[in-house]
Amino acid sequence: MKFLLSLLCTTMLVLFSGLQLVFGQSAEVSLEVGEQVFTDNCAVCHVGGNNVIAPEKTLKIGALEDNSKDSVEAIINQVTNGNGSMPAFGAKLDENEIQSVATYVLNQAKTDSW
């Protein structure tokens, strides 16, 4: 009987651990994913961190600071909802893609890597 109880407890532990892995964790934010999302969706207007529509609103750190877009949260909001001439991507990209591209943009700006 002890063996069966032990086996049952072990099985339940493995099952719940597996469910935690599948449902309990969000996908990791990745600079590589962010770069790919940027290339596929943003580079046409923001090639090299510039802005072909509104040249004063580049993705360089100074312009991001001037426009209060110098945090991952602010960039997520911009990408998700759009603003001005920038369209919203909230319906096109998933949460992980948006977080990854926001992290990528801010990283590029802060490291002057455009």
C-alpha atoms as a PDB file:
ATOM      1  CA  MET A   1       0.000   0.000   0.000  1.00  0.00           C
ATOM      2  CA  LYS A   2       2.841   2.410   0.836  1.00  0.00           C
ATOM      3  CA  PHE A   3       4.340   1.711  -2.570  1.00  0.00           C
ATOM      4  CA  LEU A   4       1.086   2.599  -4.356  1.00  0.00           C
ATOM      5  CA  LEU A   5       0.705   5.797  -2.338  1.00  0.00           C
ATOM      6  CA  SER A   6       4.290   6.762  -3.070  1.00  0.00           C
ATOM      7  CA  LEU A   7       3.811   6.030  -6.762  1.00  0.00           C
ATOM      8  CA  LEU A   8       0.614   8.089  -6.841  1.00  0.00           C
ATOM      9  CA  CYS A   9       2.298  11.052  -5.108  1.00  0.00           C
ATOM     10  CA  THR A  10       5.278  10.903  -7.473  1.00  0.00           C
ATOM     11  CA  THR A  11       2.984  10.746 -10.501  1.00  0.00           C
ATOM     12  CA  MET A  12       0.991  13.760  -9.278  1.00  0.00           C
ATOM     13  CA  LEU A  13       4.186  15.706  -8.634  1.00  0.00           C
ATOM     14  CA  VAL A  14       5.476  15.016 -12.141  1.00  0.00           C
ATOM     15  CA  LEU A  15       2.090  15.886 -13.658  1.00  0.00           C
ATOM     16  CA  PHE A  16       1.814  19.210 -11.816  1.00  0.00           C
ATOM     17  CA  SER A  17       5.428  20.075 -12.612  1.00  0.00           C
ATOM     18  CA  GLY A  18       4.747  19.436 -16.293  1.00  0.00           C
ATOM     19  CA  LEU A  19       1.661  21.633 -16.204  1.00  0.00           C
ATOM     20  CA  GLN A  20       3.694  24.379 -14.551  1.00  0.00           C
ATOM     21  CA  LEU A  21       6.196  24.241 -17.399  1.00  0.00           C
ATOM     22  CA  VAL A  22       3.496  24.350 -20.056  1.00  0.00           C
ATOM     23  CA  PHE A  23       1.078  26.857 -18.550  1.00  0.00           C
ATOM     24  CA  GLY A  24       2.956  28.642 -15.783  1.00  0.00           C
ATOM     25  CA  GLN A  25       5.814  30.239 -17.665  1.00  0.00           C
ATOM     26  CA  SER A  26       5.705  32.850 -20.346  1.00  0.00           C
ATOM     27  CA  ALA A  27       8.091  32.710 -23.251  1.00  0.00           C
ATOM     28  CA  GLU A  28      11.443  34.349 -22.658  1.00  0.00           C
ATOM     29  CA  VAL A  29      12.131  37.806 -23.986  1.00  0.00           C
ATOM     30  CA  SER A  30      14.864  37.454 -26.580  1.00  0.00           C
ATOM     31  CA  LEU A  31      17.016  39.995 -28.389  1.00  0.00           C
ATOM     32  CA  GLU A  32      17.211  37.567 -31.311  1.00  0.00           C
ATOM     33  CA  VAL A  33      13.411  37.379 -31.536  1.00  0.00           C
ATOM     34  CA  GLY A  34      13.267  41.157 -31.151  1.00  0.00           C
ATOM     35  CA  GLU A  35      15.728  41.664 -33.979  1.00  0.00           C
ATOM     36  CA  GLN A  36      13.712  39.385 -36.267  1.00  0.00           C
ATOM     37  CA  VAL A  37      10.434  41.124 -35.389  1.00  0.00           C
ATOM     38  CA  PHE A  38      12.109  44.485 -36.012  1.00  0.00           C
ATOM     39  CA  THR A  39      13.472  43.350 -39.382  1.00  0.00           C
ATOM     40  CA  ASP A  40      10.106  41.931 -40.444  1.00  0.00           C
ATOM     41  CA  ASN A  41       7.861  44.758 -39.214  1.00  0.00           C
ATOM     42  CA  CYS A  42       9.759  47.924 -38.328  1.00  0.00           C
ATOM     43  CA  ALA A  43      12.852  48.284 -40.486  1.00  0.00           C
ATOM     44  CA  VAL A  44      10.948  49.592 -43.498  1.00  0.00           C
ATOM     45  CA  CYS A  45      10.323  52.856 -41.596  1.00  0.00           C
ATOM     46  CA  HIS A  46      13.071  52.643 -38.974  1.00  0.00           C
ATOM     47  CA  VAL A  47      16.082  51.399 -40.939  1.00  0.00           C
ATOM     48  CA  GLY A  48      19.257  52.051 -38.979  1.00  0.00           C
ATOM     49  CA  GLY A  49      17.253  53.411 -36.043  1.00  0.00           C
ATOM     50  CA  ASN A  50      16.054  56.340 -38.141  1.00  0.00           C
ATOM     51  CA  ASN A  51      12.497  57.337 -39.035  1.00  0.00           C
ATOM     52  CA  VAL A  52      11.640  57.881 -42.697  1.00  0.00           C
ATOM     53  CA  ILE A  53       8.191  59.326 -41.883  1.00  0.00           C
ATOM     54  CA  ALA A  54       9.065  61.691 -39.008  1.00  0.00           C
ATOM     55  CA  PRO A  55      12.861  62.224 -39.168  1.00  0.00           C
ATOM     56  CA  GLU A  56      13.019  63.917 -35.754  1.00  0.00           C
ATOM     57  CA  LYS A  57      11.531  60.821 -34.041  1.00  0.00           C
ATOM     58  CA  THR A  58      14.379  58.374 -34.448  1.00  0.00           C
ATOM     59  CA  LEU A  59      15.066  55.349 -32.277  1.00  0.00           C
ATOM     60  CA  LYS A  60      18.288  56.897 -30.988  1.00  0.00           C
ATOM     61  CA  ILE A  61      18.400  57.267 -27.196  1.00  0.00           C
ATOM     62  CA  GLY A  62      18.224  61.082 -27.251  1.00  0.00           C
ATOM     63  CA  ALA A  63      15.050  61.106 -29.349  1.00  0.00           C
ATOM     64  CA  LEU A  64      13.514  58.327 -27.249  1.00  0.00           C
ATOM     65  CA  GLU A  65      14.217  60.363 -24.106  1.00  0.00           C
ATOM     66  CA  ASP A  66      12.851  63.559 -25.690  1.00  0.00           C
ATOM     67  CA  ASN A  67       9.622  61.736 -26.587  1.00  0.00           C
ATOM     68  CA  SER A  68       9.293  59.789 -23.294  1.00  0.00           C
ATOM     69  CA  LYS A  69       9.820  56.487 -25.107  1.00  0.00           C
ATOM     70  CA  ASP A  70      13.002  55.510 -23.244  1.00  0.00           C
ATOM     71  CA  SER A  71      11.648  52.514 -21.324  1.00  0.00           C
ATOM     72  CA  VAL A  72      10.567  49.042 -22.359  1.00  0.00           C
ATOM     73  CA  GLU A  73       7.049  49.806 -21.073  1.00  0.00           C
ATOM     74  CA  ALA A  74       6.762  52.976 -23.185  1.00  0.00           C
ATOM     75  CA  ILE A  75       7.993  51.157 -26.296  1.00  0.00           C
ATOM     76  CA  ILE A  76       5.593  48.264 -25.636  1.00  0.00           C
ATOM     77  CA  ASN A  77       2.744  50.780 -25.471  1.00  0.00           C
ATOM     78  CA  GLN A  78       3.880  52.437 -28.722  1.00  0.00           C
ATOM     79  CA  VAL A  79       4.202  49.118 -30.573  1.00  0.00           C
ATOM     80  CA  THR A  80       0.934  47.734 -29.204  1.00  0.00           C
ATOM     81  CA  ASN A  81      -1.254  50.809 -29.696  1.00  0.00           C
ATOM     82  CA  GLY A  82       0.565  52.886 -32.294  1.00  0.00           C
ATOM     83  CA  ASN A  83       0.552  56.670 -32.190  1.00  0.00           C
ATOM     84  CA  GLY A  84       0.587  59.404 -34.798  1.00  0.00           C
ATOM     85  CA  SER A  85       1.781  57.974 -38.093  1.00  0.00           C
ATOM     86  CA  MET A  86       2.892  54.676 -36.525  1.00  0.00           C
ATOM     87  CA  PRO A  87       0.309  51.908 -36.821  1.00  0.00           C
ATOM     88  CA  ALA A  88      -0.599  49.606 -33.940  1.00  0.00           C
ATOM     89  CA  PHE A  89       0.893  46.112 -33.988  1.00  0.00           C
ATOM     90  CA  GLY A  90      -1.033  44.735 -31.001  1.00  0.00           C
ATOM     91  CA  ALA A  91      -3.302  42.624 -33.209  1.00  0.00           C
ATOM     92  CA  LYS A  92      -0.444  41.374 -35.397  1.00  0.00           C
ATOM     93  CA  LEU A  93       2.269  40.488 -32.866  1.00  0.00           C
ATOM     94  CA  ASP A  94       1.961  38.355 -29.750  1.00  0.00           C
ATOM     95  CA  GLU A  95       2.974  39.557 -26.292  1.00  0.00           C
ATOM     96  CA  ASN A  96       6.404  37.909 -26.396  1.00  0.00           C
ATOM     97  CA  GLU A  97       7.177  39.398 -29.829  1.00  0.00           C
ATOM     98  CA  ILE A  98       6.192  42.874 -28.605  1.00  0.00           C
ATOM     99  CA  GLN A  99       8.246  42.548 -25.415  1.00  0.00           C
ATOM    100  CA  SER A 100      11.196  41.218 -27.388  1.00  0.00           C
ATOM    101  CA  VAL A 101      11.131  43.981 -30.011  1.00  0.00           C
ATOM    102  CA  ALA A 102      10.755  46.653 -27.312  1.00  0.00           C
ATOM    103  CA  THR A 103      13.748  45.231 -25.459  1.00  0.00           C
ATOM    104  CA  TYR A 104      15.717  45.036 -28.710  1.00  0.00           C
ATOM    105  CA  VAL A 105      14.944  48.665 -29.645  1.00  0.00           C
ATOM    106  CA  LEU A 106      15.914  49.993 -26.222  1.00  0.00           C
ATOM    107  CA  ASN A 107      19.068  47.872 -26.171  1.00  0.00           C
ATOM    108  CA  GLN A 108      20.089  49.145 -29.616  1.00  0.00           C
ATOM    109  CA  ALA A 109      19.461  52.730 -28.535  1.00  0.00           C
ATOM    110  CA  LYS A 110      21.266  52.489 -25.189  1.00  0.00           C
ATOM    111  CA  THR A 111      24.306  50.769 -26.700  1.00  0.00           C
ATOM    112  CA  ASP A 112      24.349  53.070 -29.743  1.00  0.00           C
ATOM    113  CA  SER A 113      24.210  49.979 -31.938  1.00  0.00           C
ATOM    114  CA  TRP A 114      22.065  51.294 -34.761  1.00  0.00           C
END
